[in-house]
Amino acid sequence: MVADGLKDSTNAETEEIKFNTLFNILSTNDPALEIVASFGPKGHKYTYDNILSKLEDDCQPKDVRTMTSFEFFAGQQTESQSIDDFYSQLINKHCSCGVQDLSKEKLIGIDCIMLNRIIIGVCDSNLQQKLLQEKDVTDVKSALHISRIFEAAK
């Protein structure tokens, strides 16, 4: 189905209509206009496809690892989440955020990173304090063991 005004128009006229429609939509959004202005020098001839392509490129995430890394390091256990579910969540995130690369480079051990994420991320401050005070909490296995006992005692 084609709008009545477009079915008799030339490709150039259709392109101009599409461009003007897109530009009118963008003109109500200052950040979008700033993005378009950064695409080329002043007076540059833009086309509908050119602007749309550049906007799509600009709006795509630049590095998924950055976001996944943020989610890994900022993640917190929810109150309804078991320690095992929280640990599984950490395991799933660490593979795609580059933490594995750190351990391969021997910059820091993955067990050390995971132990710290568990201690930092648990939602119960009493459990967190217990994990920090225990001398035996030196690896993930011991932290998970104490956390499971703590959860079972609730």
N, C-alpha and C. Protein backbone atom coordinates (compact mmCIF):
# COMPACT_ATOMS: atom_id res chain seq x y z
N MET A 1 0.85 -1.18 0.00
CA MET A 1 0.00 0.00 0.00
C MET A 1 0.89 1.24 0.00
N VAL A 2 0.65 2.16 -0.91
CA VAL A 2 1.45 3.36 -1.05
C VAL A 2 0.54 4.56 -0.84
N ALA A 3 1.07 5.56 -0.11
CA ALA A 3 0.29 6.77 0.09
C ALA A 3 0.04 7.43 -1.26
N ASP A 4 -1.13 8.07 -1.44
CA ASP A 4 -1.52 8.64 -2.73
C ASP A 4 -0.47 9.60 -3.27
N GLY A 5 0.11 10.40 -2.44
CA GLY A 5 1.10 11.38 -2.89
C GLY A 5 2.41 10.76 -3.32
N LEU A 6 2.69 9.53 -2.92
CA LEU A 6 3.97 8.90 -3.23
C LEU A 6 3.93 8.01 -4.47
N LYS A 7 2.76 7.48 -4.83
CA LYS A 7 2.74 6.48 -5.91
C LYS A 7 3.09 7.08 -7.27
N ASP A 8 2.86 8.37 -7.47
CA ASP A 8 3.20 9.01 -8.74
C ASP A 8 4.52 9.78 -8.67
N SER A 9 5.20 9.77 -7.54
CA SER A 9 6.42 10.56 -7.39
C SER A 9 7.64 9.81 -7.91
N THR A 10 8.69 10.56 -8.21
CA THR A 10 9.95 9.97 -8.67
C THR A 10 10.75 9.51 -7.46
N ASN A 11 11.80 8.76 -7.73
CA ASN A 11 12.68 8.32 -6.64
C ASN A 11 13.26 9.50 -5.88
N ALA A 12 13.63 10.56 -6.60
CA ALA A 12 14.22 11.74 -5.95
C ALA A 12 13.20 12.41 -5.04
N GLU A 13 11.95 12.50 -5.49
CA GLU A 13 10.91 13.10 -4.66
C GLU A 13 10.63 12.23 -3.43
N THR A 14 10.59 10.92 -3.62
CA THR A 14 10.37 10.00 -2.50
C THR A 14 11.50 10.12 -1.49
N GLU A 15 12.73 10.19 -2.00
CA GLU A 15 13.91 10.35 -1.13
C GLU A 15 13.80 11.65 -0.34
N GLU A 16 13.39 12.72 -0.99
CA GLU A 16 13.26 14.01 -0.32
C GLU A 16 12.16 13.96 0.76
N ILE A 17 11.06 13.30 0.47
CA ILE A 17 9.97 13.17 1.45
C ILE A 17 10.46 12.37 2.67
N LYS A 18 11.14 11.26 2.41
CA LYS A 18 11.67 10.45 3.52
C LYS A 18 12.67 11.26 4.34
N PHE A 19 13.56 12.01 3.65
CA PHE A 19 14.55 12.81 4.35
C PHE A 19 13.87 13.87 5.21
N ASN A 20 12.91 14.59 4.63
CA ASN A 20 12.22 15.66 5.37
C ASN A 20 11.44 15.10 6.56
N THR A 21 10.82 13.95 6.38
CA THR A 21 10.08 13.32 7.49
C THR A 21 11.04 12.96 8.62
N LEU A 22 12.16 12.33 8.27
CA LEU A 22 13.15 11.97 9.28
C LEU A 22 13.71 13.22 9.96
N PHE A 23 14.03 14.24 9.18
CA PHE A 23 14.59 15.46 9.75
C PHE A 23 13.59 16.15 10.68
N ASN A 24 12.31 16.14 10.32
CA ASN A 24 11.28 16.73 11.20
C ASN A 24 11.19 15.97 12.52
N ILE A 25 11.30 14.65 12.45
CA ILE A 25 11.28 13.85 13.68
C ILE A 25 12.50 14.17 14.54
N LEU A 26 13.65 14.25 13.88
CA LEU A 26 14.89 14.52 14.63
C LEU A 26 14.93 15.94 15.19
N SER A 27 14.27 16.88 14.52
CA SER A 27 14.34 18.27 14.97
C SER A 27 13.66 18.48 16.32
N THR A 28 12.86 17.52 16.77
CA THR A 28 12.23 17.63 18.09
C THR A 28 13.11 17.02 19.17
N ASN A 29 14.30 16.57 18.80
CA ASN A 29 15.18 15.88 19.73
C ASN A 29 16.59 16.45 19.61
N ASP A 30 16.95 17.37 20.53
CA ASP A 30 18.25 18.02 20.46
C ASP A 30 19.44 17.07 20.42
N PRO A 31 19.47 16.02 21.28
CA PRO A 31 20.61 15.10 21.21
C PRO A 31 20.75 14.43 19.84
N ALA A 32 19.63 14.09 19.21
CA ALA A 32 19.68 13.46 17.89
C ALA A 32 20.24 14.43 16.86
N LEU A 33 19.86 15.71 16.94
CA LEU A 33 20.40 16.70 16.01
C LEU A 33 21.90 16.88 16.21
N GLU A 34 22.35 16.84 17.46
CA GLU A 34 23.79 16.94 17.73
C GLU A 34 24.54 15.77 17.11
N ILE A 35 23.96 14.59 17.19
CA ILE A 35 24.58 13.40 16.60
C ILE A 35 24.68 13.58 15.08
N VAL A 36 23.59 14.02 14.45
CA VAL A 36 23.59 14.21 13.01
C VAL A 36 24.60 15.29 12.62
N ALA A 37 24.68 16.36 13.38
CA ALA A 37 25.63 17.44 13.07
C ALA A 37 27.08 16.96 13.14
N SER A 38 27.33 15.94 13.95
CA SER A 38 28.70 15.45 14.08
C SER A 38 29.11 14.53 12.93
N PHE A 39 28.19 14.21 12.03
CA PHE A 39 28.47 13.26 10.95
C PHE A 39 29.33 13.85 9.84
N GLY A 40 29.31 15.15 9.65
CA GLY A 40 30.08 15.72 8.55
C GLY A 40 30.18 17.22 8.67
N PRO A 41 30.92 17.85 7.75
CA PRO A 41 31.09 19.30 7.81
C PRO A 41 29.77 20.03 7.54
N LYS A 42 29.72 21.27 7.98
CA LYS A 42 28.51 22.07 7.79
C LYS A 42 28.24 22.20 6.28
N GLY A 43 26.98 22.07 5.90
CA GLY A 43 26.60 22.16 4.50
C GLY A 43 26.72 20.83 3.77
N HIS A 44 27.13 19.78 4.48
CA HIS A 44 27.25 18.45 3.87
C HIS A 44 25.88 17.98 3.41
N LYS A 45 25.80 17.37 2.24
CA LYS A 45 24.53 16.87 1.70
C LYS A 45 24.26 15.49 2.27
N TYR A 46 23.24 15.40 3.08
CA TYR A 46 22.86 14.13 3.69
C TYR A 46 21.73 13.50 2.90
N THR A 47 21.68 12.19 2.94
CA THR A 47 20.54 11.47 2.37
C THR A 47 19.83 10.76 3.52
N TYR A 48 18.63 10.32 3.25
CA TYR A 48 17.86 9.60 4.25
C TYR A 48 18.63 8.36 4.71
N ASP A 49 19.10 7.57 3.75
CA ASP A 49 19.81 6.33 4.08
C ASP A 49 21.11 6.62 4.83
N ASN A 50 21.80 7.71 4.44
CA ASN A 50 23.05 8.08 5.09
C ASN A 50 22.83 8.43 6.56
N ILE A 51 21.83 9.25 6.83
CA ILE A 51 21.53 9.65 8.22
C ILE A 51 21.07 8.45 9.03
N LEU A 52 20.17 7.66 8.47
CA LEU A 52 19.65 6.49 9.18
C LEU A 52 20.78 5.52 9.52
N SER A 53 21.67 5.28 8.57
CA SER A 53 22.80 4.37 8.80
C SER A 53 23.73 4.91 9.89
N LYS A 54 24.02 6.20 9.84
CA LYS A 54 24.92 6.79 10.84
C LYS A 54 24.28 6.80 12.23
N LEU A 55 22.97 7.05 12.30
CA LEU A 55 22.29 7.01 13.59
C LEU A 55 22.31 5.60 14.16
N GLU A 56 22.06 4.61 13.30
CA GLU A 56 22.10 3.22 13.77
C GLU A 56 23.49 2.86 14.28
N ASP A 57 24.53 3.27 13.54
CA ASP A 57 25.91 3.00 13.98
C ASP A 57 26.21 3.68 15.31
N ASP A 58 25.76 4.93 15.45
CA ASP A 58 26.05 5.68 16.67
C ASP A 58 25.31 5.13 17.88
N CYS A 59 24.14 4.54 17.65
CA CYS A 59 23.33 4.04 18.77
C CYS A 59 23.68 2.61 19.17
N GLN A 60 24.49 1.94 18.39
CA GLN A 60 24.90 0.58 18.74
C GLN A 60 25.89 0.62 19.89
N PRO A 61 25.82 -0.34 20.82
CA PRO A 61 26.81 -0.38 21.89
C PRO A 61 28.20 -0.56 21.30
N LYS A 62 29.15 0.16 21.84
CA LYS A 62 30.51 0.12 21.31
C LYS A 62 31.24 -1.14 21.71
N ASP A 63 31.08 -1.55 22.94
CA ASP A 63 31.79 -2.73 23.42
C ASP A 63 30.91 -3.44 24.44
N VAL A 64 30.42 -4.59 24.07
CA VAL A 64 29.54 -5.35 24.95
C VAL A 64 30.28 -5.75 26.22
N ARG A 65 31.59 -5.96 26.12
CA ARG A 65 32.37 -6.37 27.29
C ARG A 65 32.32 -5.32 28.39
N THR A 66 32.27 -4.05 28.02
CA THR A 66 32.22 -2.99 29.03
C THR A 66 30.94 -3.10 29.85
N MET A 67 29.82 -3.30 29.19
CA MET A 67 28.55 -3.41 29.91
C MET A 67 28.50 -4.69 30.74
N THR A 68 28.97 -5.79 30.16
CA THR A 68 28.98 -7.06 30.88
C THR A 68 29.91 -6.97 32.08
N SER A 69 31.03 -6.31 31.91
CA SER A 69 31.98 -6.12 33.01
C SER A 69 31.33 -5.31 34.13
N PHE A 70 30.61 -4.26 33.75
CA PHE A 70 29.91 -3.44 34.74
C PHE A 70 28.90 -4.30 35.50
N GLU A 71 28.13 -5.10 34.77
CA GLU A 71 27.13 -5.96 35.41
C GLU A 71 27.80 -6.98 36.34
N PHE A 72 28.97 -7.48 35.93
CA PHE A 72 29.69 -8.45 36.76
C PHE A 72 30.16 -7.79 38.06
N PHE A 73 30.82 -6.64 37.96
CA PHE A 73 31.40 -6.01 39.13
C PHE A 73 30.38 -5.28 40.00
N ALA A 74 29.26 -4.85 39.42
CA ALA A 74 28.26 -4.12 40.19
C ALA A 74 27.12 -5.02 40.68
N GLY A 75 27.08 -6.26 40.21
CA GLY A 75 25.99 -7.15 40.55
C GLY A 75 25.88 -7.41 42.05
N GLN A 76 24.67 -7.45 42.52
CA GLN A 76 24.39 -7.70 43.93
C GLN A 76 23.40 -8.87 44.03
N GLN A 77 23.54 -9.64 45.04
CA GLN A 77 22.60 -10.71 45.31
C GLN A 77 21.28 -10.08 45.76
N THR A 78 20.17 -10.60 45.24
CA THR A 78 18.87 -10.12 45.69
C THR A 78 18.48 -10.90 46.94
N GLU A 79 17.54 -10.36 47.69
CA GLU A 79 17.14 -11.02 48.93
C GLU A 79 16.52 -12.39 48.70
N SER A 80 15.86 -12.56 47.57
CA SER A 80 15.21 -13.85 47.30
C SER A 80 16.14 -14.83 46.57
N GLN A 81 17.35 -14.43 46.28
CA GLN A 81 18.28 -15.24 45.51
C GLN A 81 19.20 -16.03 46.43
N SER A 82 19.33 -17.32 46.15
CA SER A 82 20.24 -18.14 46.96
C SER A 82 21.68 -17.82 46.59
N ILE A 83 22.60 -18.20 47.45
CA ILE A 83 24.02 -17.98 47.18
C ILE A 83 24.44 -18.74 45.93
N ASP A 84 23.87 -19.91 45.71
CA ASP A 84 24.22 -20.69 44.52
C ASP A 84 23.74 -20.02 43.23
N ASP A 85 22.54 -19.45 43.27
CA ASP A 85 22.04 -18.71 42.10
C ASP A 85 22.91 -17.48 41.83
N PHE A 86 23.28 -16.78 42.88
CA PHE A 86 24.14 -15.60 42.74
C PHE A 86 25.49 -16.00 42.16
N TYR A 87 26.07 -17.07 42.65
CA TYR A 87 27.35 -17.55 42.14
C TYR A 87 27.23 -17.96 40.67
N SER A 88 26.15 -18.61 40.31
CA SER A 88 25.92 -18.99 38.90
C SER A 88 25.84 -17.75 38.01
N GLN A 89 25.18 -16.72 38.51
CA GLN A 89 25.07 -15.46 37.78
C GLN A 89 26.47 -14.87 37.56
N LEU A 90 27.31 -14.90 38.59
CA LEU A 90 28.67 -14.39 38.46
C LEU A 90 29.47 -15.21 37.45
N ILE A 91 29.32 -16.51 37.50
CA ILE A 91 30.04 -17.39 36.56
C ILE A 91 29.63 -17.05 35.12
N ASN A 92 28.34 -16.88 34.89
CA ASN A 92 27.86 -16.57 33.54
C ASN A 92 28.38 -15.23 33.05
N LYS A 93 28.49 -14.25 33.92
CA LYS A 93 28.96 -12.92 33.51
C LYS A 93 30.47 -12.88 33.31
N HIS A 94 31.23 -13.60 34.12
CA HIS A 94 32.69 -13.46 34.05
C HIS A 94 33.26 -13.93 32.73
N CYS A 95 32.60 -14.87 32.08
CA CYS A 95 33.12 -15.41 30.82
C CYS A 95 33.08 -14.39 29.69
N SER A 96 32.11 -13.48 29.73
CA SER A 96 31.95 -12.56 28.61
C SER A 96 32.42 -11.14 28.90
N CYS A 97 33.01 -10.90 30.07
CA CYS A 97 33.41 -9.52 30.36
C CYS A 97 34.91 -9.32 30.42
N GLY A 98 35.69 -10.35 30.14
CA GLY A 98 37.14 -10.18 30.11
C GLY A 98 37.84 -10.56 31.39
N VAL A 99 37.10 -10.92 32.42
CA VAL A 99 37.73 -11.33 33.68
C VAL A 99 38.58 -12.57 33.45
N GLN A 100 38.11 -13.44 32.56
CA GLN A 100 38.87 -14.64 32.24
C GLN A 100 40.22 -14.27 31.64
N ASP A 101 40.26 -13.21 30.83
CA ASP A 101 41.51 -12.75 30.24
C ASP A 101 42.50 -12.33 31.32
N LEU A 102 42.00 -11.70 32.38
CA LEU A 102 42.89 -11.29 33.47
C LEU A 102 43.55 -12.50 34.11
N SER A 103 42.78 -13.56 34.30
CA SER A 103 43.35 -14.74 34.95
C SER A 103 44.32 -15.46 34.02
N LYS A 104 44.07 -15.45 32.72
CA LYS A 104 44.99 -16.08 31.77
C LYS A 104 46.32 -15.35 31.74
N GLU A 105 46.26 -14.04 31.89
CA GLU A 105 47.48 -13.23 31.88
C GLU A 105 48.21 -13.29 33.23
N LYS A 106 47.64 -14.02 34.16
CA LYS A 106 48.20 -14.16 35.51
C LYS A 106 48.29 -12.83 36.25
N LEU A 107 47.43 -11.88 35.84
CA LEU A 107 47.39 -10.60 36.55
C LEU A 107 46.67 -10.77 37.88
N ILE A 108 45.66 -11.60 37.87
CA ILE A 108 44.92 -11.87 39.10
C ILE A 108 44.17 -13.19 38.88
N GLY A 109 44.11 -14.00 39.90
CA GLY A 109 43.45 -15.28 39.78
C GLY A 109 41.94 -15.15 39.73
N ILE A 110 41.31 -15.97 38.91
CA ILE A 110 39.85 -15.92 38.78
C ILE A 110 39.18 -16.28 40.11
N ASP A 111 39.78 -17.19 40.87
CA ASP A 111 39.22 -17.55 42.16
C ASP A 111 39.22 -16.35 43.11
N CYS A 112 40.28 -15.57 43.05
CA CYS A 112 40.36 -14.36 43.88
C CYS A 112 39.29 -13.35 43.49
N ILE A 113 39.09 -13.17 42.19
CA ILE A 113 38.06 -12.23 41.71
C ILE A 113 36.68 -12.71 42.13
N MET A 114 36.41 -14.00 41.94
CA MET A 114 35.09 -14.53 42.28
C MET A 114 34.85 -14.47 43.79
N LEU A 115 35.87 -14.76 44.58
CA LEU A 115 35.73 -14.67 46.05
C LEU A 115 35.36 -13.25 46.45
N ASN A 116 36.06 -12.28 45.88
CA ASN A 116 35.76 -10.88 46.19
C ASN A 116 34.37 -10.48 45.74
N ARG A 117 33.94 -10.93 44.57
CA ARG A 117 32.60 -10.60 44.08
C ARG A 117 31.52 -11.21 44.98
N ILE A 118 31.75 -12.41 45.48
CA ILE A 118 30.77 -13.03 46.39
C ILE A 118 30.68 -12.21 47.67
N ILE A 119 31.81 -11.89 48.25
CA ILE A 119 31.80 -11.13 49.52
C ILE A 119 31.20 -9.75 49.33
N ILE A 120 31.54 -9.09 48.26
CA ILE A 120 31.01 -7.75 48.01
C ILE A 120 29.53 -7.79 47.64
N GLY A 121 29.13 -8.84 46.92
CA GLY A 121 27.79 -8.87 46.36
C GLY A 121 26.70 -9.48 47.21
N VAL A 122 27.04 -10.16 48.31
CA VAL A 122 25.96 -10.76 49.10
C VAL A 122 25.09 -9.66 49.69
N CYS A 123 23.79 -9.93 49.77
CA CYS A 123 22.85 -8.90 50.21
C CYS A 123 22.74 -8.79 51.73
N ASP A 124 23.14 -9.82 52.43
CA ASP A 124 23.03 -9.83 53.89
C ASP A 124 24.31 -9.30 54.51
N SER A 125 24.22 -8.17 55.18
CA SER A 125 25.43 -7.55 55.75
C SER A 125 26.03 -8.40 56.87
N ASN A 126 25.21 -9.18 57.59
CA ASN A 126 25.75 -10.07 58.62
C ASN A 126 26.59 -11.19 58.00
N LEU A 127 26.10 -11.74 56.88
CA LEU A 127 26.87 -12.76 56.16
C LEU A 127 28.16 -12.14 55.61
N GLN A 128 28.05 -10.97 55.07
CA GLN A 128 29.22 -10.29 54.54
C GLN A 128 30.28 -10.10 55.63
N GLN A 129 29.84 -9.66 56.80
CA GLN A 129 30.75 -9.47 57.93
C GLN A 129 31.38 -10.80 58.34
N LYS A 130 30.58 -11.85 58.38
CA LYS A 130 31.07 -13.19 58.75
C LYS A 130 32.15 -13.64 57.75
N LEU A 131 31.88 -13.46 56.46
CA LEU A 131 32.85 -13.86 55.43
C LEU A 131 34.16 -13.06 55.55
N LEU A 132 34.05 -11.82 55.93
CA LEU A 132 35.26 -10.99 56.08
C LEU A 132 36.05 -11.35 57.34
N GLN A 133 35.37 -11.80 58.37
CA GLN A 133 36.03 -12.11 59.64
C GLN A 133 36.66 -13.50 59.68
N GLU A 134 36.10 -14.44 58.94
CA GLU A 134 36.58 -15.82 58.99
C GLU A 134 37.96 -15.95 58.36
N LYS A 135 38.88 -16.54 59.07
CA LYS A 135 40.23 -16.77 58.55
C LYS A 135 40.23 -17.86 57.48
N ASP A 136 39.27 -18.78 57.57
CA ASP A 136 39.22 -19.90 56.64
C ASP A 136 38.64 -19.55 55.27
N VAL A 137 38.14 -18.35 55.11
CA VAL A 137 37.56 -17.95 53.82
C VAL A 137 38.69 -17.44 52.93
N THR A 138 39.28 -18.39 52.22
CA THR A 138 40.41 -18.05 51.36
C THR A 138 40.15 -18.39 49.90
N ASP A 139 39.00 -19.02 49.63
CA ASP A 139 38.66 -19.37 48.26
C ASP A 139 37.14 -19.42 48.11
N VAL A 140 36.69 -19.58 46.88
CA VAL A 140 35.26 -19.60 46.58
C VAL A 140 34.56 -20.73 47.31
N LYS A 141 35.18 -21.90 47.32
CA LYS A 141 34.56 -23.06 47.95
C LYS A 141 34.24 -22.80 49.42
N SER A 142 35.17 -22.22 50.15
CA SER A 142 34.93 -21.95 51.57
C SER A 142 33.88 -20.85 51.76
N ALA A 143 33.89 -19.85 50.89
CA ALA A 143 32.89 -18.78 50.98
C ALA A 143 31.48 -19.32 50.70
N LEU A 144 31.37 -20.18 49.70
CA LEU A 144 30.07 -20.77 49.39
C LEU A 144 29.61 -21.68 50.52
N HIS A 145 30.52 -22.44 51.12
CA HIS A 145 30.18 -23.33 52.23
C HIS A 145 29.62 -22.54 53.41
N ILE A 146 30.29 -21.51 53.82
CA ILE A 146 29.84 -20.68 54.94
C ILE A 146 28.51 -20.00 54.59
N SER A 147 28.39 -19.54 53.35
CA SER A 147 27.16 -18.86 52.92
C SER A 147 25.97 -19.81 52.94
N ARG A 148 26.19 -21.04 52.50
CA ARG A 148 25.10 -22.03 52.52
C ARG A 148 24.65 -22.34 53.95
N ILE A 149 25.61 -22.48 54.85
CA ILE A 149 25.28 -22.73 56.27
C ILE A 149 24.50 -21.56 56.82
N PHE A 150 24.94 -20.35 56.49
CA PHE A 150 24.28 -19.12 56.95
C PHE A 150 22.84 -19.07 56.43
N GLU A 151 22.65 -19.38 55.15
CA GLU A 151 21.31 -19.38 54.55
C GLU A 151 20.41 -20.43 55.18
N ALA A 152 20.96 -21.62 55.43
CA ALA A 152 20.18 -22.71 56.02
C ALA A 152 19.75 -22.38 57.44
N ALA A 153 20.55 -21.60 58.15
CA ALA A 153 20.24 -21.25 59.53
C ALA A 153 19.16 -20.19 59.65
N LYS A 154 18.85 -19.53 58.57
CA LYS A 154 17.82 -18.46 58.61
C LYS A 154 16.45 -19.01 58.82
